[in-house]
Amino acid sequence: RRQRQMCIRDSSQTVHYGDSFTLADGNAFTYTGHTFSHWYVRRSSDKKVFCYDGNWHTTDGSDLYGSDVSNWYPYNNSGLTFEMNDSWIRSDTDADEEFVFWGFWTADEYNIIYNLDGGTLNGKTNPDTYNIETPTFTLNNPTRTGYIFAGWTGTDITGTSKIVTINHGSIGNRTYTCLLYTSPSPRDRTRS
């Protein structure tokens, strides 16, 4: 699943050499449609990140998008305590250092349940899951020999709708039921 990043700067703290500090609880922050996954740390003076080999390595720039994070060391547990020591501080400078902890989130998956009332999608498909980052999509309508498709009922629909679109940025589980009537439909019969 795709992971997104967010820089948290609200709770900055000053830590002196030899002092201990505790990593913030990532679950205390909210990011709609996502669940907190882990932290990465970047040293601002040289834009290096801490990696699995226990060393600081240069990324492809100041922005973490597009960087290969597979070798970065994730801090998965909230409440970890660290000591500010030589493993954090650059040996070639006496300047104050800033460390930025980047929180990574995973998009929450939501289920979509369908009742096709005996209809089929004729080789087409509708997704069974989606997340907040899924591009906008429109449901394929089912067909059934001898029946007329009258529309969908379900999540976020008032009455019925023949076109159901789930927009990018939507969240939550969804249920849709299609209405199929023998020809002519009850609506058509009342008009004649």
Protein backbone atom coordinates (compact mmCIF):
# COMPACT_ATOMS: atom_id res chain seq x y z
CA ARG A 1 0.00 0.00 0.00
CA ARG A 2 1.19 3.47 -0.78
CA GLN A 3 2.58 5.49 2.09
CA ARG A 4 2.32 9.24 2.50
CA GLN A 5 4.54 11.47 4.58
CA MET A 6 3.88 14.49 6.72
CA CYS A 7 6.30 16.71 8.58
CA ILE A 8 5.20 17.43 12.16
CA ARG A 9 6.68 20.68 13.44
CA ASP A 10 4.13 21.46 16.18
CA SER A 11 5.98 19.83 19.03
CA SER A 12 9.58 20.94 18.67
CA GLN A 13 11.90 20.54 21.63
CA THR A 14 15.47 21.47 22.46
CA VAL A 15 17.73 18.58 23.47
CA HIS A 16 21.33 19.06 24.66
CA TYR A 17 24.19 16.67 24.05
CA GLY A 18 23.92 13.79 26.51
CA ASP A 19 20.23 14.43 27.19
CA SER A 20 17.52 11.90 26.47
CA PHE A 21 14.39 12.59 24.47
CA THR A 22 11.25 10.60 23.75
CA LEU A 23 9.76 10.14 20.31
CA ALA A 24 6.22 11.51 20.06
CA ASP A 25 3.27 9.16 19.75
CA GLY A 26 2.42 9.25 16.04
CA ASN A 27 -1.13 8.15 16.79
CA ALA A 28 -1.68 11.43 18.63
CA PHE A 29 -1.72 13.14 15.21
CA THR A 30 -4.54 12.77 12.73
CA TYR A 31 -4.45 12.52 8.95
CA THR A 32 -7.89 11.90 7.45
CA GLY A 33 -8.23 8.52 5.76
CA HIS A 34 -4.83 7.31 6.96
CA THR A 35 -3.30 5.28 9.80
CA PHE A 36 0.08 6.21 11.28
CA SER A 37 2.81 3.79 10.22
CA HIS A 38 6.22 4.96 11.46
CA TRP A 39 8.73 7.80 11.79
CA TYR A 40 11.89 8.56 9.81
CA VAL A 41 14.45 11.10 11.00
CA ARG A 42 16.41 13.55 8.85
CA ARG A 43 19.30 15.76 9.95
CA SER A 44 18.68 19.23 8.55
CA SER A 45 22.26 20.51 8.22
CA ASP A 46 23.24 17.93 5.58
CA LYS A 47 19.77 16.54 4.74
CA LYS A 48 20.91 13.03 5.60
CA VAL A 49 18.60 10.32 6.92
CA PHE A 50 19.41 7.59 9.42
CA CYS A 51 19.63 4.18 7.69
CA TYR A 52 19.62 0.50 8.61
CA ASP A 53 23.41 0.33 8.55
CA GLY A 54 23.55 2.74 11.51
CA ASN A 55 24.90 5.64 9.46
CA TRP A 56 23.53 8.86 8.04
CA HIS A 57 23.12 8.87 4.24
CA THR A 58 22.31 11.58 1.71
CA THR A 59 18.86 11.47 0.09
CA ASP A 60 18.03 12.83 -3.36
CA GLY A 61 17.18 16.27 -1.96
CA SER A 62 15.39 18.15 0.78
CA ASP A 63 12.02 16.72 -0.24
CA LEU A 64 11.47 13.07 0.68
CA TYR A 65 9.09 12.45 -2.25
CA GLY A 66 10.82 10.34 -4.86
CA SER A 67 13.53 9.16 -2.49
CA ASP A 68 14.26 5.48 -2.06
CA VAL A 69 13.21 4.84 1.54
CA SER A 70 13.88 1.10 1.53
CA ASN A 71 17.17 1.51 3.45
CA TRP A 72 15.94 4.14 5.89
CA TYR A 73 15.54 3.08 9.47
CA PRO A 74 11.90 3.33 10.56
CA TYR A 75 11.07 4.14 14.16
CA ASN A 76 7.91 2.07 14.44
CA ASN A 77 7.20 2.38 18.13
CA SER A 78 5.80 5.44 19.82
CA GLY A 79 7.45 6.46 23.04
CA LEU A 80 10.99 5.33 22.15
CA THR A 81 13.65 7.16 24.17
CA PHE A 82 16.99 8.16 22.65
CA GLU A 83 20.15 9.81 23.94
CA MET A 84 21.55 12.75 21.97
CA ASN A 85 25.11 11.50 21.43
CA ASP A 86 27.81 11.10 18.78
CA SER A 87 25.60 8.86 16.67
CA TRP A 88 23.34 11.86 16.05
CA ILE A 89 25.77 14.79 15.91
CA ARG A 90 28.07 15.56 12.99
CA SER A 91 31.75 15.43 13.95
CA ASP A 92 32.71 18.19 11.50
CA THR A 93 30.70 21.00 13.08
CA ASP A 94 29.98 22.55 16.47
CA ALA A 95 26.84 24.26 15.23
CA ASP A 96 23.41 23.57 16.65
CA GLU A 97 21.67 20.78 14.78
CA GLU A 98 18.04 20.29 13.87
CA PHE A 99 16.42 16.89 13.36
CA VAL A 100 13.10 16.54 11.59
CA PHE A 101 11.01 13.45 12.26
CA TRP A 102 8.82 12.59 9.30
CA GLY A 103 5.66 10.66 10.02
CA PHE A 104 4.59 8.14 7.40
CA TRP A 105 0.96 7.12 7.06
CA THR A 106 -0.73 4.32 5.14
CA ALA A 107 -4.03 5.01 3.41
CA ASP A 108 -6.95 3.18 5.06
CA GLU A 109 -8.72 0.65 2.82
CA TYR A 110 -12.53 0.71 2.64
CA ASN A 111 -14.85 -2.04 1.37
CA ILE A 112 -17.52 -1.68 -1.30
CA ILE A 113 -20.34 -4.27 -1.24
CA TYR A 114 -22.69 -4.74 -4.19
CA ASN A 115 -26.07 -6.45 -4.65
CA LEU A 116 -26.54 -6.87 -8.40
CA ASP A 117 -30.04 -8.39 -8.09
CA GLY A 118 -29.14 -11.19 -10.50
CA GLY A 119 -27.46 -8.87 -12.98
CA THR A 120 -23.94 -9.14 -14.36
CA LEU A 121 -21.30 -6.64 -15.43
CA ASN A 122 -20.58 -8.46 -18.73
CA GLY A 123 -16.83 -8.69 -18.34
CA LYS A 124 -16.48 -5.32 -16.64
CA THR A 125 -15.67 -4.92 -12.94
CA ASN A 126 -16.35 -2.59 -10.07
CA PRO A 127 -13.73 -2.25 -7.32
CA ASP A 128 -14.26 -4.11 -4.05
CA THR A 129 -12.03 -1.68 -2.12
CA TYR A 130 -10.75 1.88 -2.41
CA ASN A 131 -8.95 4.49 -0.31
CA ILE A 132 -8.79 8.26 0.03
CA GLU A 133 -6.07 8.41 -2.64
CA THR A 134 -7.95 6.34 -5.26
CA PRO A 135 -8.65 8.41 -8.39
CA THR A 136 -12.30 9.29 -9.05
CA PHE A 137 -14.20 6.37 -10.62
CA THR A 138 -17.74 5.63 -11.81
CA LEU A 139 -19.51 2.32 -11.22
CA ASN A 140 -20.30 0.08 -14.18
CA ASN A 141 -24.01 -0.68 -14.33
CA PRO A 142 -25.19 -4.31 -14.42
CA THR A 143 -27.46 -5.82 -17.04
CA ARG A 144 -29.86 -8.76 -16.99
CA THR A 145 -31.67 -10.26 -19.95
CA GLY A 146 -35.32 -9.19 -19.97
CA TYR A 147 -34.78 -6.51 -17.32
CA ILE A 148 -34.28 -2.75 -17.33
CA PHE A 149 -31.67 -1.13 -15.09
CA ALA A 150 -33.48 1.50 -13.01
CA GLY A 151 -30.50 2.72 -10.97
CA TRP A 152 -28.52 2.23 -7.78
CA THR A 153 -29.48 2.81 -4.18
CA GLY A 154 -27.00 3.00 -1.32
CA THR A 155 -24.25 5.09 0.24
CA ASP A 156 -24.54 8.84 -0.43
CA ILE A 157 -27.48 8.34 -2.83
CA THR A 158 -30.83 10.01 -2.26
CA GLY A 159 -33.50 7.90 -3.96
CA THR A 160 -31.89 6.18 -6.95
CA SER A 161 -29.17 7.15 -9.40
CA LYS A 162 -28.16 5.60 -12.72
CA ILE A 163 -24.70 7.11 -12.42
CA VAL A 164 -22.67 6.57 -9.23
CA THR A 165 -19.30 8.28 -8.96
CA ILE A 166 -16.92 7.87 -6.01
CA ASN A 167 -14.70 10.94 -5.91
CA HIS A 168 -11.02 11.10 -5.06
CA GLY A 169 -10.80 11.95 -1.35
CA SER A 170 -13.86 9.91 -0.34
CA ILE A 171 -13.69 7.71 2.77
CA GLY A 172 -15.75 5.01 4.47
CA ASN A 173 -17.23 1.61 3.62
CA ARG A 174 -19.95 1.62 0.95
CA THR A 175 -22.90 -0.57 -0.06
CA TYR A 176 -24.80 -0.36 -3.36
CA THR A 177 -27.88 -2.24 -4.57
CA CYS A 178 -29.01 -2.13 -8.19
CA LEU A 179 -32.68 -2.04 -9.12
CA LEU A 180 -33.67 -4.22 -12.10
CA TYR A 181 -37.25 -4.34 -13.38
CA THR A 182 -38.87 -6.55 -16.00
CA SER A 183 -39.82 -4.56 -19.09
CA PRO A 184 -41.78 -2.38 -18.92
CA SER A 185 -40.71 -1.08 -15.51
CA PRO A 186 -43.32 -0.17 -12.87
CA ARG A 187 -42.54 3.48 -13.53
CA ASP A 188 -43.22 3.04 -17.26
CA ARG A 189 -46.50 1.21 -16.56
CA THR A 190 -47.82 4.06 -14.40
CA ARG A 191 -47.12 6.54 -17.18
CA SER A 192 -49.04 4.58 -19.85
